[in-house]
Amino acid sequence: MSEKMQCIKPFQPYILLQSENYQQIEKPYLGISHFYEFSISDVEQEIDAVPDGSVDLLFNIGSHKVQTYISGTVFHVKQWQMGEEHTCFGVRFQPGQGILPKEISRKMLVDQDILIDGNLFGADLEEQIAEARTLQERAIIFQNAYEKMAAKEREYNDKKNVEEFVRKRIYETVGTITMNQISEETNYSPCYIRRIFKQYHGISPKQFAQCIRFQNLLGMLNTYSERNEMVAQICGYYDEAHMMKEFKTNTGVTMEQYKKMMAQVQ
């Protein structure tokens, strides 16, 4: 598409709250949102994931081995499988974007953390990432391998046009648009739209919209101080009670508890 699509940067707050030495490099390129790196002092430390509509690729780096996990979006707060080593390097793709090896579908990733061969993304990629010493070096190594893989796997057809239009409208309305509205705008049936969208995302447009709406809410809580009733209205929830219930399901804590936790790391 020639027009630049509005995006919401997927945010995982518990990585900031439950890990150490977190670093991040923004990289809006070929569906990548950003690269990140962190350490875990206790291998039994749990890190939770929240809904974001995204796919994460995580390299768990040890002195003798690298374990690579790929994870799809969750539907509520859930423990994230990180591996057994202390250092983690991650790639977060924009919701609904990013190019995956043909052996991996987004449907198989939904609500899952799957141990894979990281070299599916490039020859000797795990070894190169393990030998690198900084986040910047690892990001460059991954980007170079990813570009080569993406050049082979990229596709563009009428179905992709439909998916992009639906995703664009969900972004523009921060998850508040309905299936009936999308159907009217595209002249396709809701059933057809859901089927095409699910081929690319593994989840339905409604589920994706809920992720985007929630991510928009997280962004507002990090930057705004409006009353909860106003926030609920801006973010497209039915009312404050609906927003509070969904927030607790998605994070495991209340909005007030969340604000206090985030104040400690900001």
C-alpha atoms as a PDB file:
ATOM      1  CA  MET A   1       0.000   0.000   0.000  1.00  0.00           C
ATOM      2  CA  SER A   2       1.350   3.410  -0.895  1.00  0.00           C
ATOM      3  CA  GLU A   3      -0.284   5.157   2.053  1.00  0.00           C
ATOM      4  CA  LYS A   4       1.603   4.729   5.306  1.00  0.00           C
ATOM      5  CA  MET A   5      -0.488   2.745   7.765  1.00  0.00           C
ATOM      6  CA  GLN A   6      -1.087   4.103  11.238  1.00  0.00           C
ATOM      7  CA  CYS A   7       0.209   1.657  13.864  1.00  0.00           C
ATOM      8  CA  ILE A   8       0.139   1.146  17.602  1.00  0.00           C
ATOM      9  CA  LYS A   9       3.488   0.055  19.024  1.00  0.00           C
ATOM     10  CA  PRO A  10       2.891  -3.228  20.888  1.00  0.00           C
ATOM     11  CA  PHE A  11       3.864  -2.916  24.545  1.00  0.00           C
ATOM     12  CA  GLN A  12       4.621  -5.665  27.060  1.00  0.00           C
ATOM     13  CA  PRO A  13       4.785  -3.984  30.489  1.00  0.00           C
ATOM     14  CA  TYR A  14       5.827  -7.015  32.492  1.00  0.00           C
ATOM     15  CA  ILE A  15       9.180  -7.276  30.705  1.00  0.00           C
ATOM     16  CA  LEU A  16       9.998  -3.869  32.185  1.00  0.00           C
ATOM     17  CA  LEU A  17       8.605  -4.824  35.583  1.00  0.00           C
ATOM     18  CA  GLN A  18       9.926  -8.372  35.944  1.00  0.00           C
ATOM     19  CA  SER A  19      13.321  -8.350  34.185  1.00  0.00           C
ATOM     20  CA  GLU A  20      16.621  -6.486  34.534  1.00  0.00           C
ATOM     21  CA  ASN A  21      18.782  -4.341  32.215  1.00  0.00           C
ATOM     22  CA  TYR A  22      16.029  -3.850  29.646  1.00  0.00           C
ATOM     23  CA  GLN A  23      17.095  -2.139  26.406  1.00  0.00           C
ATOM     24  CA  GLN A  24      15.161  -1.439  23.218  1.00  0.00           C
ATOM     25  CA  ILE A  25      15.866  -0.277  19.664  1.00  0.00           C
ATOM     26  CA  GLU A  26      12.970   1.025  17.563  1.00  0.00           C
ATOM     27  CA  LYS A  27      12.991  -0.481  14.070  1.00  0.00           C
ATOM     28  CA  PRO A  28       9.780   0.010  12.045  1.00  0.00           C
ATOM     29  CA  TYR A  29      10.976  -2.027   9.075  1.00  0.00           C
ATOM     30  CA  LEU A  30       9.441  -4.942   7.122  1.00  0.00           C
ATOM     31  CA  GLY A  31       6.878  -5.468   9.866  1.00  0.00           C
ATOM     32  CA  ILE A  32       9.375  -5.279  12.748  1.00  0.00           C
ATOM     33  CA  SER A  33       8.341  -2.994  15.594  1.00  0.00           C
ATOM     34  CA  HIS A  34      11.495  -3.108  17.698  1.00  0.00           C
ATOM     35  CA  PHE A  35      14.391  -5.159  19.007  1.00  0.00           C
ATOM     36  CA  TYR A  36      14.901  -5.611  22.742  1.00  0.00           C
ATOM     37  CA  GLU A  37      17.181  -7.296  25.233  1.00  0.00           C
ATOM     38  CA  PHE A  38      17.023  -8.031  28.940  1.00  0.00           C
ATOM     39  CA  SER A  39      18.427 -10.331  31.592  1.00  0.00           C
ATOM     40  CA  ILE A  40      16.917 -12.517  34.279  1.00  0.00           C
ATOM     41  CA  SER A  41      18.905 -13.048  37.473  1.00  0.00           C
ATOM     42  CA  ASP A  42      16.718 -15.932  38.650  1.00  0.00           C
ATOM     43  CA  VAL A  43      15.895 -18.515  35.959  1.00  0.00           C
ATOM     44  CA  GLU A  44      12.719 -19.347  37.875  1.00  0.00           C
ATOM     45  CA  GLN A  45      11.542 -15.730  37.555  1.00  0.00           C
ATOM     46  CA  GLU A  46       8.216 -15.596  35.757  1.00  0.00           C
ATOM     47  CA  ILE A  47       7.528 -12.922  33.142  1.00  0.00           C
ATOM     48  CA  ASP A  48       3.943 -12.398  32.055  1.00  0.00           C
ATOM     49  CA  ALA A  49       2.594 -11.546  28.607  1.00  0.00           C
ATOM     50  CA  VAL A  50      -0.496  -9.440  27.866  1.00  0.00           C
ATOM     51  CA  PRO A  51      -2.601  -9.254  24.668  1.00  0.00           C
ATOM     52  CA  ASP A  52      -0.963  -7.260  21.871  1.00  0.00           C
ATOM     53  CA  GLY A  53      -1.873  -9.004  18.585  1.00  0.00           C
ATOM     54  CA  SER A  54       1.829  -9.458  17.882  1.00  0.00           C
ATOM     55  CA  VAL A  55       4.392 -12.185  17.316  1.00  0.00           C
ATOM     56  CA  ASP A  56       7.608 -12.212  19.356  1.00  0.00           C
ATOM     57  CA  LEU A  57      10.800 -14.069  18.471  1.00  0.00           C
ATOM     58  CA  LEU A  58      12.977 -14.634  21.540  1.00  0.00           C
ATOM     59  CA  PHE A  59      16.556 -15.937  21.600  1.00  0.00           C
ATOM     60  CA  ASN A  60      17.477 -17.266  25.061  1.00  0.00           C
ATOM     61  CA  ILE A  61      21.278 -17.055  25.054  1.00  0.00           C
ATOM     62  CA  GLY A  62      23.523 -19.259  27.191  1.00  0.00           C
ATOM     63  CA  SER A  63      27.240 -19.942  27.191  1.00  0.00           C
ATOM     64  CA  HIS A  64      26.814 -23.299  25.452  1.00  0.00           C
ATOM     65  CA  LYS A  65      23.471 -23.102  23.670  1.00  0.00           C
ATOM     66  CA  VAL A  66      20.756 -20.824  22.329  1.00  0.00           C
ATOM     67  CA  GLN A  67      17.081 -21.669  22.631  1.00  0.00           C
ATOM     68  CA  THR A  68      14.704 -19.830  20.304  1.00  0.00           C
ATOM     69  CA  TYR A  69      11.034 -19.374  21.108  1.00  0.00           C
ATOM     70  CA  ILE A  70       8.351 -17.837  18.939  1.00  0.00           C
ATOM     71  CA  SER A  71       5.163 -16.623  20.602  1.00  0.00           C
ATOM     72  CA  GLY A  72       1.821 -15.397  19.337  1.00  0.00           C
ATOM     73  CA  THR A  73      -0.595 -13.081  21.042  1.00  0.00           C
ATOM     74  CA  VAL A  74      -2.290 -14.175  24.244  1.00  0.00           C
ATOM     75  CA  PHE A  75      -5.945 -13.485  25.083  1.00  0.00           C
ATOM     76  CA  HIS A  76      -5.330 -12.685  28.746  1.00  0.00           C
ATOM     77  CA  VAL A  77      -2.358 -12.363  31.070  1.00  0.00           C
ATOM     78  CA  LYS A  78      -0.237 -15.498  30.853  1.00  0.00           C
ATOM     79  CA  GLN A  79       3.241 -16.659  31.817  1.00  0.00           C
ATOM     80  CA  TRP A  80       5.746 -16.228  28.980  1.00  0.00           C
ATOM     81  CA  GLN A  81       8.135 -19.080  28.234  1.00  0.00           C
ATOM     82  CA  MET A  82      11.621 -17.550  28.228  1.00  0.00           C
ATOM     83  CA  GLY A  83      13.996 -20.523  28.429  1.00  0.00           C
ATOM     84  CA  GLU A  84      16.583 -21.481  31.029  1.00  0.00           C
ATOM     85  CA  GLU A  85      19.370 -18.922  30.473  1.00  0.00           C
ATOM     86  CA  HIS A  86      19.839 -15.398  31.816  1.00  0.00           C
ATOM     87  CA  THR A  87      20.163 -13.288  28.636  1.00  0.00           C
ATOM     88  CA  CYS A  88      17.300 -12.789  26.186  1.00  0.00           C
ATOM     89  CA  PHE A  89      17.286 -11.029  22.817  1.00  0.00           C
ATOM     90  CA  GLY A  90      13.896 -10.403  21.243  1.00  0.00           C
ATOM     91  CA  VAL A  91      12.272  -9.226  18.039  1.00  0.00           C
ATOM     92  CA  ARG A  92       8.722  -7.901  18.279  1.00  0.00           C
ATOM     93  CA  PHE A  93       6.747  -7.639  15.074  1.00  0.00           C
ATOM     94  CA  GLN A  94       4.001  -5.118  14.521  1.00  0.00           C
ATOM     95  CA  PRO A  95       0.523  -6.585  15.089  1.00  0.00           C
ATOM     96  CA  GLY A  96      -0.462  -8.566  12.005  1.00  0.00           C
ATOM     97  CA  GLN A  97       2.845  -7.910  10.264  1.00  0.00           C
ATOM     98  CA  GLY A  98       6.240  -9.480   9.911  1.00  0.00           C
ATOM     99  CA  ILE A  99       7.222 -12.304   7.583  1.00  0.00           C
ATOM    100  CA  LEU A 100       7.611 -15.784   9.022  1.00  0.00           C
ATOM    101  CA  PRO A 101       9.294 -18.885   7.583  1.00  0.00           C
ATOM    102  CA  LYS A 102       6.898 -21.089   5.627  1.00  0.00           C
ATOM    103  CA  GLU A 103       7.191 -23.755   8.338  1.00  0.00           C
ATOM    104  CA  ILE A 104       5.436 -21.466  10.826  1.00  0.00           C
ATOM    105  CA  SER A 105       1.857 -20.150  10.641  1.00  0.00           C
ATOM    106  CA  ARG A 106       0.337 -17.499  12.873  1.00  0.00           C
ATOM    107  CA  LYS A 107      -2.547 -19.839  13.671  1.00  0.00           C
ATOM    108  CA  MET A 108      -0.189 -22.290  15.377  1.00  0.00           C
ATOM    109  CA  LEU A 109       1.306 -19.464  17.469  1.00  0.00           C
ATOM    110  CA  VAL A 110      -1.874 -18.042  19.015  1.00  0.00           C
ATOM    111  CA  ASP A 111      -1.641 -18.264  22.814  1.00  0.00           C
ATOM    112  CA  GLN A 112       1.483 -20.449  22.467  1.00  0.00           C
ATOM    113  CA  ASP A 113       5.243 -20.262  23.087  1.00  0.00           C
ATOM    114  CA  ILE A 114       6.906 -22.703  20.690  1.00  0.00           C
ATOM    115  CA  LEU A 115      10.539 -23.824  20.791  1.00  0.00           C
ATOM    116  CA  ILE A 116      11.901 -23.662  17.240  1.00  0.00           C
ATOM    117  CA  ASP A 117      15.138 -23.793  15.307  1.00  0.00           C
ATOM    118  CA  GLY A 118      16.138 -20.136  15.185  1.00  0.00           C
ATOM    119  CA  ASN A 119      18.152 -20.835  12.060  1.00  0.00           C
ATOM    120  CA  LEU A 120      14.858 -20.969  10.148  1.00  0.00           C
ATOM    121  CA  PHE A 121      15.271 -17.193   9.992  1.00  0.00           C
ATOM    122  CA  GLY A 122      18.810 -17.406   8.611  1.00  0.00           C
ATOM    123  CA  ALA A 123      21.802 -19.720   8.270  1.00  0.00           C
ATOM    124  CA  ASP A 124      23.791 -19.994  11.538  1.00  0.00           C
ATOM    125  CA  LEU A 125      21.673 -17.202  13.011  1.00  0.00           C
ATOM    126  CA  GLU A 126      21.599 -18.611  16.555  1.00  0.00           C
ATOM    127  CA  GLU A 127      25.405 -18.914  16.641  1.00  0.00           C
ATOM    128  CA  GLN A 128      25.902 -15.393  15.282  1.00  0.00           C
ATOM    129  CA  ILE A 129      23.494 -13.890  17.820  1.00  0.00           C
ATOM    130  CA  ALA A 130      25.186 -15.786  20.652  1.00  0.00           C
ATOM    131  CA  GLU A 131      28.618 -14.500  19.623  1.00  0.00           C
ATOM    132  CA  ALA A 132      27.458 -10.865  19.406  1.00  0.00           C
ATOM    133  CA  ARG A 133      27.991  -8.769  22.511  1.00  0.00           C
ATOM    134  CA  THR A 134      25.515  -5.901  22.251  1.00  0.00           C
ATOM    135  CA  LEU A 135      21.873  -5.347  21.400  1.00  0.00           C
ATOM    136  CA  GLN A 136      22.928  -3.227  18.428  1.00  0.00           C
ATOM    137  CA  GLU A 137      25.111  -6.021  17.009  1.00  0.00           C
ATOM    138  CA  ARG A 138      22.364  -8.612  17.438  1.00  0.00           C
ATOM    139  CA  ALA A 139      19.782  -6.341  15.827  1.00  0.00           C
ATOM    140  CA  ILE A 140      21.980  -5.851  12.744  1.00  0.00           C
ATOM    141  CA  ILE A 141      22.692  -9.590  12.491  1.00  0.00           C
ATOM    142  CA  PHE A 142      18.992 -10.433  12.653  1.00  0.00           C
ATOM    143  CA  GLN A 143      17.986  -7.693  10.223  1.00  0.00           C
ATOM    144  CA  ASN A 144      20.480  -8.883   7.604  1.00  0.00           C
ATOM    145  CA  ALA A 145      19.228 -12.472   7.828  1.00  0.00           C
ATOM    146  CA  TYR A 146      15.582 -11.382   7.934  1.00  0.00           C
ATOM    147  CA  GLU A 147      15.902  -9.257   4.796  1.00  0.00           C
ATOM    148  CA  LYS A 148      17.136 -12.262   2.835  1.00  0.00           C
ATOM    149  CA  MET A 149      14.340 -14.487   4.123  1.00  0.00           C
ATOM    150  CA  ALA A 150      11.672 -11.819   3.589  1.00  0.00           C
ATOM    151  CA  ALA A 151      12.694 -11.334  -0.042  1.00  0.00           C
ATOM    152  CA  LYS A 152      11.798 -14.979  -0.702  1.00  0.00           C
ATOM    153  CA  GLU A 153       8.630 -15.194   1.394  1.00  0.00           C
ATOM    154  CA  ARG A 154       6.888 -11.887   0.643  1.00  0.00           C
ATOM    155  CA  GLU A 155       3.551 -12.026  -1.151  1.00  0.00           C
ATOM    156  CA  TYR A 156       0.977  -9.564  -2.399  1.00  0.00           C
ATOM    157  CA  ASN A 157      -2.447 -10.442  -3.804  1.00  0.00           C
ATOM    158  CA  ASP A 158      -6.133  -9.559  -3.542  1.00  0.00           C
ATOM    159  CA  LYS A 159      -6.511 -11.383  -0.220  1.00  0.00           C
ATOM    160  CA  LYS A 160      -3.594  -9.440   1.198  1.00  0.00           C
ATOM    161  CA  ASN A 161      -5.276  -6.219   0.031  1.00  0.00           C
ATOM    162  CA  VAL A 162      -8.377  -7.157   2.050  1.00  0.00           C
ATOM    163  CA  GLU A 163      -6.295  -8.001   5.123  1.00  0.00           C
ATOM    164  CA  GLU A 164      -4.390  -4.720   4.908  1.00  0.00           C
ATOM    165  CA  PHE A 165      -7.553  -2.666   4.535  1.00  0.00           C
ATOM    166  CA  VAL A 166      -9.189  -4.332   7.548  1.00  0.00           C
ATOM    167  CA  ARG A 167      -6.039  -3.939   9.653  1.00  0.00           C
ATOM    168  CA  LYS A 168      -5.741  -0.295   8.584  1.00  0.00           C
ATOM    169  CA  ARG A 169      -9.325   0.462   9.628  1.00  0.00           C
ATOM    170  CA  ILE A 170      -8.843  -1.301  12.973  1.00  0.00           C
ATOM    171  CA  TYR A 171      -5.732   0.797  13.598  1.00  0.00           C
ATOM    172  CA  GLU A 172      -7.450   4.032  12.542  1.00  0.00           C
ATOM    173  CA  THR A 173     -10.377   3.409  14.894  1.00  0.00           C
ATOM    174  CA  VAL A 174      -8.140   1.941  17.647  1.00  0.00           C
ATOM    175  CA  GLY A 175     -10.213  -1.206  17.672  1.00  0.00           C
ATOM    176  CA  THR A 176     -13.693   0.330  17.825  1.00  0.00           C
ATOM    177  CA  ILE A 177     -14.892  -0.399  14.289  1.00  0.00           C
ATOM    178  CA  THR A 178     -17.484  -3.186  13.900  1.00  0.00           C
ATOM    179  CA  MET A 179     -17.563  -6.069  11.444  1.00  0.00           C
ATOM    180  CA  ASN A 180     -20.736  -4.666   9.910  1.00  0.00           C
ATOM    181  CA  GLN A 181     -18.987  -1.354   9.238  1.00  0.00           C
ATOM    182  CA  ILE A 182     -16.030  -3.118   7.619  1.00  0.00           C
ATOM    183  CA  SER A 183     -18.410  -5.229   5.542  1.00  0.00           C
ATOM    184  CA  GLU A 184     -20.200  -2.111   4.302  1.00  0.00           C
ATOM    185  CA  GLU A 185     -16.925  -0.386   3.435  1.00  0.00           C
ATOM    186  CA  THR A 186     -15.477  -3.355   1.531  1.00  0.00           C
ATOM    187  CA  ASN A 187     -18.662  -4.897   0.042  1.00  0.00           C
ATOM    188  CA  TYR A 188     -17.461  -8.273   1.329  1.00  0.00           C
ATOM    189  CA  SER A 189     -19.467 -10.439   3.699  1.00  0.00           C
ATOM    190  CA  PRO A 190     -18.398 -10.609   7.370  1.00  0.00           C
ATOM    191  CA  CYS A 191     -17.796 -14.347   6.937  1.00  0.00           C
ATOM    192  CA  TYR A 192     -15.378 -13.788   4.027  1.00  0.00           C
ATOM    193  CA  ILE A 193     -13.557 -10.993   5.863  1.00  0.00           C
ATOM    194  CA  ARG A 194     -13.117 -13.126   8.984  1.00  0.00           C
ATOM    195  CA  ARG A 195     -11.789 -16.052   6.939  1.00  0.00           C
ATOM    196  CA  ILE A 196      -9.229 -13.963   5.051  1.00  0.00           C
ATOM    197  CA  PHE A 197      -8.113 -12.044   8.127  1.00  0.00           C
ATOM    198  CA  LYS A 198      -7.647 -15.211  10.142  1.00  0.00           C
ATOM    199  CA  GLN A 199      -5.385 -16.664   7.446  1.00  0.00           C
ATOM    200  CA  TYR A 200      -2.913 -13.845   8.082  1.00  0.00           C
ATOM    201  CA  HIS A 201      -3.331 -13.326  11.820  1.00  0.00           C
ATOM    202  CA  GLY A 202      -4.517 -16.595  13.342  1.00  0.00           C
ATOM    203  CA  ILE A 203      -7.235 -14.621  15.126  1.00  0.00           C
ATOM    204  CA  SER A 204     -10.451 -12.922  14.021  1.00  0.00           C
ATOM    205  CA  PRO A 205     -10.801  -9.189  13.283  1.00  0.00           C
ATOM    206  CA  LYS A 206     -12.819  -8.844  16.497  1.00  0.00           C
ATOM    207  CA  GLN A 207     -10.083 -10.465  18.593  1.00  0.00           C
ATOM    208  CA  PHE A 208      -7.441  -8.349  16.868  1.00  0.00           C
ATOM    209  CA  ALA A 209      -9.489  -5.199  17.479  1.00  0.00           C
ATOM    210  CA  GLN A 210      -9.755  -6.069  21.179  1.00  0.00           C
ATOM    211  CA  CYS A 211      -5.947  -6.365  21.342  1.00  0.00           C
ATOM    212  CA  ILE A 212      -5.498  -2.977  19.657  1.00  0.00           C
ATOM    213  CA  ARG A 213      -8.088  -1.333  21.891  1.00  0.00           C
ATOM    214  CA  PHE A 214      -6.333  -2.697  24.979  1.00  0.00           C
ATOM    215  CA  GLN A 215      -2.902  -1.622  23.707  1.00  0.00           C
ATOM    216  CA  ASN A 216      -4.278   1.856  23.079  1.00  0.00           C
ATOM    217  CA  LEU A 217      -5.535   1.892  26.666  1.00  0.00           C
ATOM    218  CA  LEU A 218      -2.067   0.931  27.956  1.00  0.00           C
ATOM    219  CA  GLY A 219      -0.580   3.789  25.970  1.00  0.00           C
ATOM    220  CA  MET A 220      -3.075   6.246  27.431  1.00  0.00           C
ATOM    221  CA  LEU A 221      -2.391   5.118  30.995  1.00  0.00           C
ATOM    222  CA  ASN A 222       1.331   5.688  30.441  1.00  0.00           C
ATOM    223  CA  THR A 223       0.911   9.231  29.130  1.00  0.00           C
ATOM    224  CA  TYR A 224      -2.452  10.703  30.217  1.00  0.00           C
ATOM    225  CA  SER A 225      -4.133  11.440  33.530  1.00  0.00           C
ATOM    226  CA  GLU A 226      -7.830  11.691  32.562  1.00  0.00           C
ATOM    227  CA  ARG A 227     -10.545  10.236  34.766  1.00  0.00           C
ATOM    228  CA  ASN A 228     -11.431   6.602  34.127  1.00  0.00           C
ATOM    229  CA  GLU A 229     -14.835   7.470  32.657  1.00  0.00           C
ATOM    230  CA  MET A 230     -13.198   9.670  30.036  1.00  0.00           C
ATOM    231  CA  VAL A 231     -10.520   7.097  29.255  1.00  0.00           C
ATOM    232  CA  ALA A 232     -13.191   4.424  28.750  1.00  0.00           C
ATOM    233  CA  GLN A 233     -15.057   6.660  26.342  1.00  0.00           C
ATOM    234  CA  ILE A 234     -11.949   7.615  24.346  1.00  0.00           C
ATOM    235  CA  CYS A 235     -10.812   3.980  24.083  1.00  0.00           C
ATOM    236  CA  GLY A 236     -14.185   2.711  22.893  1.00  0.00           C
ATOM    237  CA  TYR A 237     -15.337   0.694  25.907  1.00  0.00           C
ATOM    238  CA  TYR A 238     -19.030   0.501  26.743  1.00  0.00           C
ATOM    239  CA  ASP A 239     -18.407   2.120  30.120  1.00  0.00           C
ATOM    240  CA  GLU A 240     -15.888   2.294  32.945  1.00  0.00           C
ATOM    241  CA  ALA A 241     -16.953  -1.071  34.389  1.00  0.00           C
ATOM    242  CA  HIS A 242     -16.395  -2.798  31.038  1.00  0.00           C
ATOM    243  CA  MET A 243     -12.938  -1.245  30.751  1.00  0.00           C
ATOM    244  CA  MET A 244     -11.932  -2.182  34.304  1.00  0.00           C
ATOM    245  CA  LYS A 245     -13.079  -5.790  33.888  1.00  0.00           C
ATOM    246  CA  GLU A 246     -11.212  -6.254  30.599  1.00  0.00           C
ATOM    247  CA  PHE A 247      -8.107  -4.601  32.011  1.00  0.00           C
ATOM    248  CA  LYS A 248      -8.040  -6.967  35.015  1.00  0.00           C
ATOM    249  CA  THR A 249      -8.468  -9.965  32.699  1.00  0.00           C
ATOM    250  CA  ASN A 250      -5.661  -8.794  30.424  1.00  0.00           C
ATOM    251  CA  THR A 251      -3.136  -7.809  33.102  1.00  0.00           C
ATOM    252  CA  GLY A 252      -4.097  -9.658  36.276  1.00  0.00           C
ATOM    253  CA  VAL A 253      -4.189  -6.382  38.232  1.00  0.00           C
ATOM    254  CA  THR A 254      -6.451  -3.361  38.563  1.00  0.00           C
ATOM    255  CA  MET A 255      -5.722  -0.140  36.702  1.00  0.00           C
ATOM    256  CA  GLU A 256      -4.663   1.574  39.927  1.00  0.00           C
ATOM    257  CA  GLN A 257      -2.281  -1.263  40.796  1.00  0.00           C
ATOM    258  CA  TYR A 258      -0.868  -1.093  37.281  1.00  0.00           C
ATOM    259  CA  LYS A 259      -0.249   2.656  37.482  1.00  0.00           C
ATOM    260  CA  LYS A 260       1.609   2.225  40.783  1.00  0.00           C
ATOM    261  CA  MET A 261       3.773  -0.567  39.358  1.00  0.00           C
ATOM    262  CA  MET A 262       4.644   1.393  36.211  1.00  0.00           C
ATOM    263  CA  ALA A 263       5.505   4.489  38.281  1.00  0.00           C
ATOM    264  CA  GLN A 264       8.401   2.495  39.748  1.00  0.00           C
ATOM    265  CA  VAL A 265      10.082   1.981  36.358  1.00  0.00           C
ATOM    266  CA  GLN A 266       9.264   5.240  34.561  1.00  0.00           C
END
